[in-house]
Structures are given as structure tokens and as C-alpha cells.
Amino acid sequence: PALNAVGGIECAMPEGAFYVMPNVKQLLGGRVRDSIEFSKLLLDEARVVVTPGSAFGMEGYVRISYANSLEAIQEGVRRIAEVAVALRRP
């Protein structure tokens, strides 16, 4: 997935689902401590809605649905990348 091009995010290819569960652990620990705070940050700063992985027993991950248009998905990934870049700055 395109999310793998975003520094600090690792995402496996989905196997028939309409969502992905990218690992965002590399982005946690500084400004945001957990997947809940990361999800809130994406909503507040990027207007992207994801579900914290902790809701599924997978702390350090977020759930992203891709049941949307290709254009909306690409824009969402772009916005997530902007937040990830900002979090990785010292």
C-alpha cells in the first residue's frame, strides 16, 4: 500500500478486507503516546478518521477503511503523511 512510502508507518497488503491496519508504533512516544492520541491527532489536524488499534487489542496500530473513491483514499494518505512527517521532526 501507499502507506508504506510514509516514514514511520508499516502496512501489510490486505487480504480481502475493506480496511488496513498499519503499524504506527514508530510515530508514538513523543507528541502522541498511543493509537488513541494518534487517531485524535489525525482527526484534528488532518481531518482523517481512523479507528485506534487499541479498540481491537492492537495498540500501536490504526484501522483505516478504504471503502471510498481512489481520489479520497489518495488525499487521505497524503494528509496522513503530512502528520507523520511532523511527528518525526525533532
PDB file of N, CA and C in Angstrom:
ATOM      1  N   PRO A   1       0.814  -1.212   0.000  1.00  0.00           N
ATOM      2  CA  PRO A   1       0.000   0.000   0.000  1.00  0.00           C
ATOM      3  C   PRO A   1       0.852   1.269   0.000  1.00  0.00           C
ATOM      4  N   ALA A   2       0.254   2.343  -0.446  1.00  0.00           N
ATOM      5  CA  ALA A   2       0.936   3.641  -0.497  1.00  0.00           C
ATOM      6  C   ALA A   2       1.398   4.087   0.880  1.00  0.00           C
ATOM      7  N   LEU A   3       0.754   3.598   1.923  1.00  0.00           N
ATOM      8  CA  LEU A   3       1.144   3.990   3.281  1.00  0.00           C
ATOM      9  C   LEU A   3       2.574   3.570   3.607  1.00  0.00           C
ATOM     10  N   ASN A   4       3.096   2.532   2.950  1.00  0.00           N
ATOM     11  CA  ASN A   4       4.463   2.095   3.219  1.00  0.00           C
ATOM     12  C   ASN A   4       5.498   3.123   2.774  1.00  0.00           C
ATOM     13  N   ALA A   5       5.114   4.033   1.913  1.00  0.00           N
ATOM     14  CA  ALA A   5       6.022   5.100   1.488  1.00  0.00           C
ATOM     15  C   ALA A   5       6.111   6.209   2.528  1.00  0.00           C
ATOM     16  N   VAL A   6       5.234   6.164   3.525  1.00  0.00           N
ATOM     17  CA  VAL A   6       5.209   7.168   4.585  1.00  0.00           C
ATOM     18  C   VAL A   6       6.161   6.723   5.689  1.00  0.00           C
ATOM     19  N   GLY A   7       7.159   7.525   5.989  1.00  0.00           N
ATOM     20  CA  GLY A   7       8.098   7.179   7.044  1.00  0.00           C
ATOM     21  C   GLY A   7       7.411   6.989   8.383  1.00  0.00           C
ATOM     22  N   GLY A   8       7.752   5.891   9.058  1.00  0.00           N
ATOM     23  CA  GLY A   8       7.187   5.618  10.373  1.00  0.00           C
ATOM     24  C   GLY A   8       5.933   4.769  10.343  1.00  0.00           C
ATOM     25  N   ILE A   9       5.479   4.395   9.144  1.00  0.00           N
ATOM     26  CA  ILE A   9       4.272   3.574   9.010  1.00  0.00           C
ATOM     27  C   ILE A   9       4.613   2.326   8.203  1.00  0.00           C
ATOM     28  N   GLU A  10       4.182   1.172   8.714  1.00  0.00           N
ATOM     29  CA  GLU A  10       4.349  -0.099   8.004  1.00  0.00           C
ATOM     30  C   GLU A  10       2.976  -0.720   7.826  1.00  0.00           C
ATOM     31  N   CYS A  11       2.669  -1.137   6.603  1.00  0.00           N
ATOM     32  CA  CYS A  11       1.323  -1.638   6.324  1.00  0.00           C
ATOM     33  C   CYS A  11       1.385  -2.868   5.425  1.00  0.00           C
ATOM     34  N   ALA A  12       0.798  -3.962   5.886  1.00  0.00           N
ATOM     35  CA  ALA A  12       0.715  -5.178   5.082  1.00  0.00           C
ATOM     36  C   ALA A  12      -0.420  -5.053   4.073  1.00  0.00           C
ATOM     37  N   MET A  13      -0.303  -5.780   2.979  1.00  0.00           N
ATOM     38  CA  MET A  13      -1.376  -5.807   1.981  1.00  0.00           C
ATOM     39  C   MET A  13      -2.594  -6.497   2.583  1.00  0.00           C
ATOM     40  N   PRO A  14      -3.770  -5.925   2.403  1.00  0.00           N
ATOM     41  CA  PRO A  14      -4.983  -6.558   2.935  1.00  0.00           C
ATOM     42  C   PRO A  14      -5.316  -7.828   2.152  1.00  0.00           C
ATOM     43  N   GLU A  15      -5.972  -8.736   2.834  1.00  0.00           N
ATOM     44  CA  GLU A  15      -6.350  -9.999   2.196  1.00  0.00           C
ATOM     45  C   GLU A  15      -7.868 -10.112   2.132  1.00  0.00           C
ATOM     46  N   GLY A  16      -8.482  -9.315   1.284  1.00  0.00           N
ATOM     47  CA  GLY A  16      -9.911  -9.410   1.065  1.00  0.00           C
ATOM     48  C   GLY A  16     -10.775  -8.521   1.939  1.00  0.00           C
ATOM     49  N   ALA A  17     -10.197  -7.779   2.835  1.00  0.00           N
ATOM     50  CA  ALA A  17     -10.969  -6.883   3.695  1.00  0.00           C
ATOM     51  C   ALA A  17     -11.097  -5.514   3.020  1.00  0.00           C
ATOM     52  N   PHE A  18     -11.888  -4.641   3.614  1.00  0.00           N
ATOM     53  CA  PHE A  18     -12.036  -3.277   3.096  1.00  0.00           C
ATOM     54  C   PHE A  18     -11.331  -2.285   4.014  1.00  0.00           C
ATOM     55  N   TYR A  19     -10.360  -2.780   4.764  1.00  0.00           N
ATOM     56  CA  TYR A  19      -9.593  -1.916   5.656  1.00  0.00           C
ATOM     57  C   TYR A  19      -8.168  -2.443   5.761  1.00  0.00           C
ATOM     58  N   VAL A  20      -7.275  -1.570   6.221  1.00  0.00           N
ATOM     59  CA  VAL A  20      -5.893  -1.946   6.522  1.00  0.00           C
ATOM     60  C   VAL A  20      -5.618  -1.586   7.973  1.00  0.00           C
ATOM     61  N   MET A  21      -4.621  -2.249   8.546  1.00  0.00           N
ATOM     62  CA  MET A  21      -4.224  -1.998   9.939  1.00  0.00           C
ATOM     63  C   MET A  21      -2.733  -1.647   9.954  1.00  0.00           C
ATOM     64  N   PRO A  22      -2.382  -0.425   9.569  1.00  0.00           N
ATOM     65  CA  PRO A  22      -0.968  -0.065   9.563  1.00  0.00           C
ATOM     66  C   PRO A  22      -0.383   0.063  10.969  1.00  0.00           C
ATOM     67  N   ASN A  23       0.875  -0.327  11.069  1.00  0.00           N
ATOM     68  CA  ASN A  23       1.647  -0.201  12.300  1.00  0.00           C
ATOM     69  C   ASN A  23       2.196   1.226  12.346  1.00  0.00           C
ATOM     70  N   VAL A  24       1.853   1.951  13.413  1.00  0.00           N
ATOM     71  CA  VAL A  24       2.309   3.336  13.563  1.00  0.00           C
ATOM     72  C   VAL A  24       3.183   3.504  14.807  1.00  0.00           C
ATOM     73  N   LYS A  25       3.703   2.403  15.328  1.00  0.00           N
ATOM     74  CA  LYS A  25       4.470   2.446  16.580  1.00  0.00           C
ATOM     75  C   LYS A  25       5.658   3.393  16.515  1.00  0.00           C
ATOM     76  N   GLN A  26       6.271   3.516  15.339  1.00  0.00           N
ATOM     77  CA  GLN A  26       7.431   4.409  15.211  1.00  0.00           C
ATOM     78  C   GLN A  26       7.062   5.881  15.379  1.00  0.00           C
ATOM     79  N   LEU A  27       5.780   6.193  15.269  1.00  0.00           N
ATOM     80  CA  LEU A  27       5.324   7.579  15.404  1.00  0.00           C
ATOM     81  C   LEU A  27       4.857   7.902  16.821  1.00  0.00           C
ATOM     82  N   LEU A  28       4.824   6.897  17.675  1.00  0.00           N
ATOM     83  CA  LEU A  28       4.328   7.087  19.036  1.00  0.00           C
ATOM     84  C   LEU A  28       5.475   7.313  20.007  1.00  0.00           C
ATOM     85  N   GLY A  29       5.150   7.910  21.136  1.00  0.00           N
ATOM     86  CA  GLY A  29       6.141   8.074  22.191  1.00  0.00           C
ATOM     87  C   GLY A  29       6.592   9.503  22.408  1.00  0.00           C
ATOM     88  N   GLY A  30       6.395  10.357  21.447  1.00  0.00           N
ATOM     89  CA  GLY A  30       6.759  11.758  21.611  1.00  0.00           C
ATOM     90  C   GLY A  30       5.525  12.589  21.880  1.00  0.00           C
ATOM     91  N   ARG A  31       5.085  13.261  20.843  1.00  0.00           N
ATOM     92  CA  ARG A  31       3.894  14.118  20.949  1.00  0.00           C
ATOM     93  C   ARG A  31       2.618  13.314  21.212  1.00  0.00           C
ATOM     94  N   VAL A  32       2.562  12.112  20.681  1.00  0.00           N
ATOM     95  CA  VAL A  32       1.414  11.229  20.917  1.00  0.00           C
ATOM     96  C   VAL A  32       1.906   9.940  21.555  1.00  0.00           C
ATOM     97  N   ARG A  33       1.162   9.473  22.558  1.00  0.00           N
ATOM     98  CA  ARG A  33       1.599   8.304  23.320  1.00  0.00           C
ATOM     99  C   ARG A  33       1.041   6.983  22.821  1.00  0.00           C
ATOM    100  N   ASP A  34      -0.134   7.014  22.201  1.00  0.00           N
ATOM    101  CA  ASP A  34      -0.777   5.746  21.849  1.00  0.00           C
ATOM    102  C   ASP A  34      -1.666   5.921  20.620  1.00  0.00           C
ATOM    103  N   SER A  35      -2.296   4.822  20.216  1.00  0.00           N
ATOM    104  CA  SER A  35      -3.108   4.863  18.995  1.00  0.00           C
ATOM    105  C   SER A  35      -4.342   5.748  19.148  1.00  0.00           C
ATOM    106  N   ILE A  36      -4.834   5.915  20.362  1.00  0.00           N
ATOM    107  CA  ILE A  36      -5.976   6.812  20.578  1.00  0.00           C
ATOM    108  C   ILE A  36      -5.564   8.255  20.314  1.00  0.00           C
ATOM    109  N   GLU A  37      -4.437   8.671  20.879  1.00  0.00           N
ATOM    110  CA  GLU A  37      -3.958  10.038  20.657  1.00  0.00           C
ATOM    111  C   GLU A  37      -3.600  10.270  19.189  1.00  0.00           C
ATOM    112  N   PHE A  38      -3.019   9.257  18.548  1.00  0.00           N
ATOM    113  CA  PHE A  38      -2.684   9.384  17.127  1.00  0.00           C
ATOM    114  C   PHE A  38      -3.954   9.561  16.299  1.00  0.00           C
ATOM    115  N   SER A  39      -4.980   8.787  16.608  1.00  0.00           N
ATOM    116  CA  SER A  39      -6.260   8.892  15.897  1.00  0.00           C
ATOM    117  C   SER A  39      -6.884  10.269  16.081  1.00  0.00           C
ATOM    118  N   LYS A  40      -6.827  10.788  17.303  1.00  0.00           N
ATOM    119  CA  LYS A  40      -7.361  12.129  17.571  1.00  0.00           C
ATOM    120  C   LYS A  40      -6.575  13.193  16.814  1.00  0.00           C
ATOM    121  N   LEU A  41      -5.263  13.033  16.765  1.00  0.00           N
ATOM    122  CA  LEU A  41      -4.419  13.979  16.041  1.00  0.00           C
ATOM    123  C   LEU A  41      -4.768  13.992  14.551  1.00  0.00           C
ATOM    124  N   LEU A  42      -4.945  12.812  13.961  1.00  0.00           N
ATOM    125  CA  LEU A  42      -5.322  12.751  12.547  1.00  0.00           C
ATOM    126  C   LEU A  42      -6.665  13.432  12.304  1.00  0.00           C
ATOM    127  N   LEU A  43      -7.602  13.230  13.211  1.00  0.00           N
ATOM    128  CA  LEU A  43      -8.911  13.865  13.061  1.00  0.00           C
ATOM    129  C   LEU A  43      -8.796  15.383  13.185  1.00  0.00           C
ATOM    130  N   ASP A  44      -8.100  15.839  14.219  1.00  0.00           N
ATOM    131  CA  ASP A  44      -7.995  17.276  14.492  1.00  0.00           C
ATOM    132  C   ASP A  44      -7.156  18.027  13.464  1.00  0.00           C
ATOM    133  N   GLU A  45      -6.018  17.452  13.071  1.00  0.00           N
ATOM    134  CA  GLU A  45      -5.082  18.183  12.215  1.00  0.00           C
ATOM    135  C   GLU A  45      -5.197  17.855  10.732  1.00  0.00           C
ATOM    136  N   ALA A  46      -5.679  16.656  10.409  1.00  0.00           N
ATOM    137  CA  ALA A  46      -5.722  16.253   9.005  1.00  0.00           C
ATOM    138  C   ALA A  46      -7.132  15.958   8.508  1.00  0.00           C
ATOM    139  N   ARG A  47      -8.102  15.981   9.417  1.00  0.00           N
ATOM    140  CA  ARG A  47      -9.486  15.652   9.067  1.00  0.00           C
ATOM    141  C   ARG A  47      -9.589  14.271   8.420  1.00  0.00           C
ATOM    142  N   VAL A  48      -8.824  13.329   8.978  1.00  0.00           N
ATOM    143  CA  VAL A  48      -8.853  11.936   8.540  1.00  0.00           C
ATOM    144  C   VAL A  48      -9.337  11.100   9.715  1.00  0.00           C
ATOM    145  N   VAL A  49     -10.339  10.265   9.460  1.00  0.00           N
ATOM    146  CA  VAL A  49     -10.899   9.429  10.516  1.00  0.00           C
ATOM    147  C   VAL A  49     -10.316   8.026  10.423  1.00  0.00           C
ATOM    148  N   VAL A  50      -9.704   7.584  11.513  1.00  0.00           N
ATOM    149  CA  VAL A  50      -9.220   6.212  11.654  1.00  0.00           C
ATOM    150  C   VAL A  50      -9.705   5.700  13.003  1.00  0.00           C
ATOM    151  N   THR A  51      -9.625   4.401  13.199  1.00  0.00           N
ATOM    152  CA  THR A  51     -10.005   3.810  14.474  1.00  0.00           C
ATOM    153  C   THR A  51      -8.744   3.354  15.187  1.00  0.00           C
ATOM    154  N   PRO A  52      -8.576   3.703  16.457  1.00  0.00           N
ATOM    155  CA  PRO A  52      -7.391   3.257  17.189  1.00  0.00           C
ATOM    156  C   PRO A  52      -7.310   1.734  17.225  1.00  0.00           C
ATOM    157  N   GLY A  53      -6.121   1.216  17.027  1.00  0.00           N
ATOM    158  CA  GLY A  53      -5.935  -0.231  17.088  1.00  0.00           C
ATOM    159  C   GLY A  53      -6.240  -0.809  18.448  1.00  0.00           C
ATOM    160  N   SER A  54      -6.122   0.009  19.486  1.00  0.00           N
ATOM    161  CA  SER A  54      -6.405  -0.478  20.841  1.00  0.00           C
ATOM    162  C   SER A  54      -7.844  -0.968  20.962  1.00  0.00           C
ATOM    163  N   ALA A  55      -8.746  -0.479  20.120  1.00  0.00           N
ATOM    164  CA  ALA A  55     -10.140  -0.939  20.131  1.00  0.00           C
ATOM    165  C   ALA A  55     -10.251  -2.393  19.681  1.00  0.00           C
ATOM    166  N   PHE A  56      -9.197  -2.899  19.038  1.00  0.00           N
ATOM    167  CA  PHE A  56      -9.173  -4.273  18.545  1.00  0.00           C
ATOM    168  C   PHE A  56      -8.076  -5.087  19.224  1.00  0.00           C
ATOM    169  N   GLY A  57      -7.547  -4.572  20.336  1.00  0.00           N
ATOM    170  CA  GLY A  57      -6.461  -5.260  21.032  1.00  0.00           C
ATOM    171  C   GLY A  57      -5.134  -5.154  20.308  1.00  0.00           C
ATOM    172  N   MET A  58      -4.964  -4.135  19.470  1.00  0.00           N
ATOM    173  CA  MET A  58      -3.744  -3.963  18.674  1.00  0.00           C
ATOM    174  C   MET A  58      -3.173  -2.561  18.872  1.00  0.00           C
ATOM    175  N   GLU A  59      -2.709  -2.284  20.073  1.00  0.00           N
ATOM    176  CA  GLU A  59      -2.097  -0.984  20.356  1.00  0.00           C
ATOM    177  C   GLU A  59      -0.903  -0.788  19.426  1.00  0.00           C
ATOM    178  N   GLY A  60      -0.738   0.448  18.966  1.00  0.00           N
ATOM    179  CA  GLY A  60       0.348   0.764  18.045  1.00  0.00           C
ATOM    180  C   GLY A  60      -0.065   0.653  16.586  1.00  0.00           C
ATOM    181  N   TYR A  61      -1.324   0.332  16.356  1.00  0.00           N
ATOM    182  CA  TYR A  61      -1.880   0.230  15.012  1.00  0.00           C
ATOM    183  C   TYR A  61      -3.113   1.120  14.924  1.00  0.00           C
ATOM    184  N   VAL A  62      -3.522   1.441  13.710  1.00  0.00           N
ATOM    185  CA  VAL A  62      -4.805   2.101  13.478  1.00  0.00           C
ATOM    186  C   VAL A  62      -5.515   1.352  12.357  1.00  0.00           C
ATOM    187  N   ARG A  63      -6.815   1.414  12.376  1.00  0.00           N
ATOM    188  CA  ARG A  63      -7.615   0.772  11.323  1.00  0.00           C
ATOM    189  C   ARG A  63      -8.109   1.856  10.378  1.00  0.00           C
ATOM    190  N   ILE A  64      -7.849   1.658   9.097  1.00  0.00           N
ATOM    191  CA  ILE A  64      -8.245   2.613   8.071  1.00  0.00           C
ATOM    192  C   ILE A  64      -9.109   1.893   7.040  1.00  0.00           C
ATOM    193  N   SER A  65     -10.327   2.360   6.868  1.00  0.00           N
ATOM    194  CA  SER A  65     -11.209   1.802   5.844  1.00  0.00           C
ATOM    195  C   SER A  65     -10.859   2.423   4.498  1.00  0.00           C
ATOM    196  N   TYR A  66     -10.869   1.601   3.463  1.00  0.00           N
ATOM    197  CA  TYR A  66     -10.657   2.156   2.131  1.00  0.00           C
ATOM    198  C   TYR A  66     -11.875   1.919   1.238  1.00  0.00           C
ATOM    199  N   ALA A  67     -13.044   1.901   1.854  1.00  0.00           N
ATOM    200  CA  ALA A  67     -14.300   1.803   1.104  1.00  0.00           C
ATOM    201  C   ALA A  67     -14.696   3.213   0.668  1.00  0.00           C
ATOM    202  N   ASN A  68     -13.930   3.748  -0.271  1.00  0.00           N
ATOM    203  CA  ASN A  68     -14.115   5.118  -0.725  1.00  0.00           C
ATOM    204  C   ASN A  68     -13.561   5.240  -2.140  1.00  0.00           C
ATOM    205  N   SER A  69     -13.653   6.413  -2.719  1.00  0.00           N
ATOM    206  CA  SER A  69     -13.100   6.629  -4.058  1.00  0.00           C
ATOM    207  C   SER A  69     -11.579   6.652  -3.993  1.00  0.00           C
ATOM    208  N   LEU A  70     -10.951   6.340  -5.112  1.00  0.00           N
ATOM    209  CA  LEU A  70      -9.495   6.370  -5.182  1.00  0.00           C
ATOM    210  C   LEU A  70      -8.970   7.762  -4.846  1.00  0.00           C
ATOM    211  N   GLU A  71      -9.651   8.783  -5.314  1.00  0.00           N
ATOM    212  CA  GLU A  71      -9.223  10.157  -5.045  1.00  0.00           C
ATOM    213  C   GLU A  71      -9.261  10.460  -3.548  1.00  0.00           C
ATOM    214  N   ALA A  72     -10.319  10.036  -2.877  1.00  0.00           N
ATOM    215  CA  ALA A  72     -10.433  10.275  -1.432  1.00  0.00           C
ATOM    216  C   ALA A  72      -9.363   9.505  -0.668  1.00  0.00           C
ATOM    217  N   ILE A  73      -9.068   8.293  -1.102  1.00  0.00           N
ATOM    218  CA  ILE A  73      -8.030   7.491  -0.445  1.00  0.00           C
ATOM    219  C   ILE A  73      -6.670   8.154  -0.623  1.00  0.00           C
ATOM    220  N   GLN A  74      -6.365   8.586  -1.835  1.00  0.00           N
ATOM    221  CA  GLN A  74      -5.080   9.244  -2.090  1.00  0.00           C
ATOM    222  C   GLN A  74      -4.935  10.515  -1.261  1.00  0.00           C
ATOM    223  N   GLU A  75      -5.998  11.289  -1.155  1.00  0.00           N
ATOM    224  CA  GLU A  75      -5.961  12.511  -0.348  1.00  0.00           C
ATOM    225  C   GLU A  75      -5.772  12.170   1.125  1.00  0.00           C
ATOM    226  N   GLY A  76      -6.439  11.138   1.595  1.00  0.00           N
ATOM    227  CA  GLY A  76      -6.277  10.712   2.986  1.00  0.00           C
ATOM    228  C   GLY A  76      -4.852  10.287   3.290  1.00  0.00           C
ATOM    229  N   VAL A  77      -4.249   9.525   2.387  1.00  0.00           N
ATOM    230  CA  VAL A  77      -2.857   9.098   2.571  1.00  0.00           C
ATOM    231  C   VAL A  77      -1.937  10.313   2.580  1.00  0.00           C
ATOM    232  N   ARG A  78      -2.191  11.272   1.699  1.00  0.00           N
ATOM    233  CA  ARG A  78      -1.370  12.494   1.671  1.00  0.00           C
ATOM    234  C   ARG A  78      -1.448  13.231   3.005  1.00  0.00           C
ATOM    235  N   ARG A  79      -2.647  13.337   3.557  1.00  0.00           N
ATOM    236  CA  ARG A  79      -2.824  14.024   4.839  1.00  0.00           C
ATOM    237  C   ARG A  79      -2.175  13.254   5.987  1.00  0.00           C
ATOM    238  N   ILE A  80      -2.303  11.938   5.971  1.00  0.00           N
ATOM    239  CA  ILE A  80      -1.648  11.119   6.998  1.00  0.00           C
ATOM    240  C   ILE A  80      -0.139  11.313   6.918  1.00  0.00           C
ATOM    241  N   ALA A  81       0.396  11.354   5.701  1.00  0.00           N
ATOM    242  CA  ALA A  81       1.835  11.550   5.517  1.00  0.00           C
ATOM    243  C   ALA A  81       2.290  12.881   6.098  1.00  0.00           C
ATOM    244  N   GLU A  82       1.507  13.932   5.918  1.00  0.00           N
ATOM    245  CA  GLU A  82       1.869  15.241   6.477  1.00  0.00           C
ATOM    246  C   GLU A  82       1.973  15.179   7.998  1.00  0.00           C
ATOM    247  N   VAL A  83       1.032  14.517   8.626  1.00  0.00           N
ATOM    248  CA  VAL A  83       1.061  14.385  10.089  1.00  0.00           C
ATOM    249  C   VAL A  83       2.257  13.538  10.509  1.00  0.00           C
ATOM    250  N   ALA A  84       2.519  12.454   9.786  1.00  0.00           N
ATOM    251  CA  ALA A  84       3.648  11.582  10.126  1.00  0.00           C
ATOM    252  C   ALA A  84       4.970  12.331  10.027  1.00  0.00           C
ATOM    253  N   VAL A  85       5.126  13.129   8.990  1.00  0.00           N
ATOM    254  CA  VAL A  85       6.355  13.923   8.828  1.00  0.00           C
ATOM    255  C   VAL A  85       6.516  14.877  10.006  1.00  0.00           C
ATOM    256  N   ALA A  86       5.444  15.535  10.394  1.00  0.00           N
ATOM    257  CA  ALA A  86       5.505  16.473  11.522  1.00  0.00           C
ATOM    258  C   ALA A  86       5.862  15.755  12.819  1.00  0.00           C
ATOM    259  N   LEU A  87       5.358  14.553  13.009  1.00  0.00           N
ATOM    260  CA  LEU A  87       5.656  13.806  14.238  1.00  0.00           C
ATOM    261  C   LEU A  87       7.100  13.331  14.285  1.00  0.00           C
ATOM    262  N   ARG A  88       7.702  13.114  13.142  1.00  0.00           N
ATOM    263  CA  ARG A  88       9.077  12.599  13.103  1.00  0.00           C
ATOM    264  C   ARG A  88      10.121  13.701  13.230  1.00  0.00           C
ATOM    265  N   ARG A  89       9.682  14.961  13.141  1.00  0.00           N
ATOM    266  CA  ARG A  89      10.637  16.069  13.307  1.00  0.00           C
ATOM    267  C   ARG A  89      11.109  16.123  14.750  1.00  0.00           C
ATOM    268  N   PRO A  90      12.395  16.412  14.953  1.00  0.00           N
ATOM    269  CA  PRO A  90      12.909  16.513  16.342  1.00  0.00           C
ATOM    270  C   PRO A  90      12.361  17.719  17.082  1.00  0.00           C
TER     271      PRO A  90
END
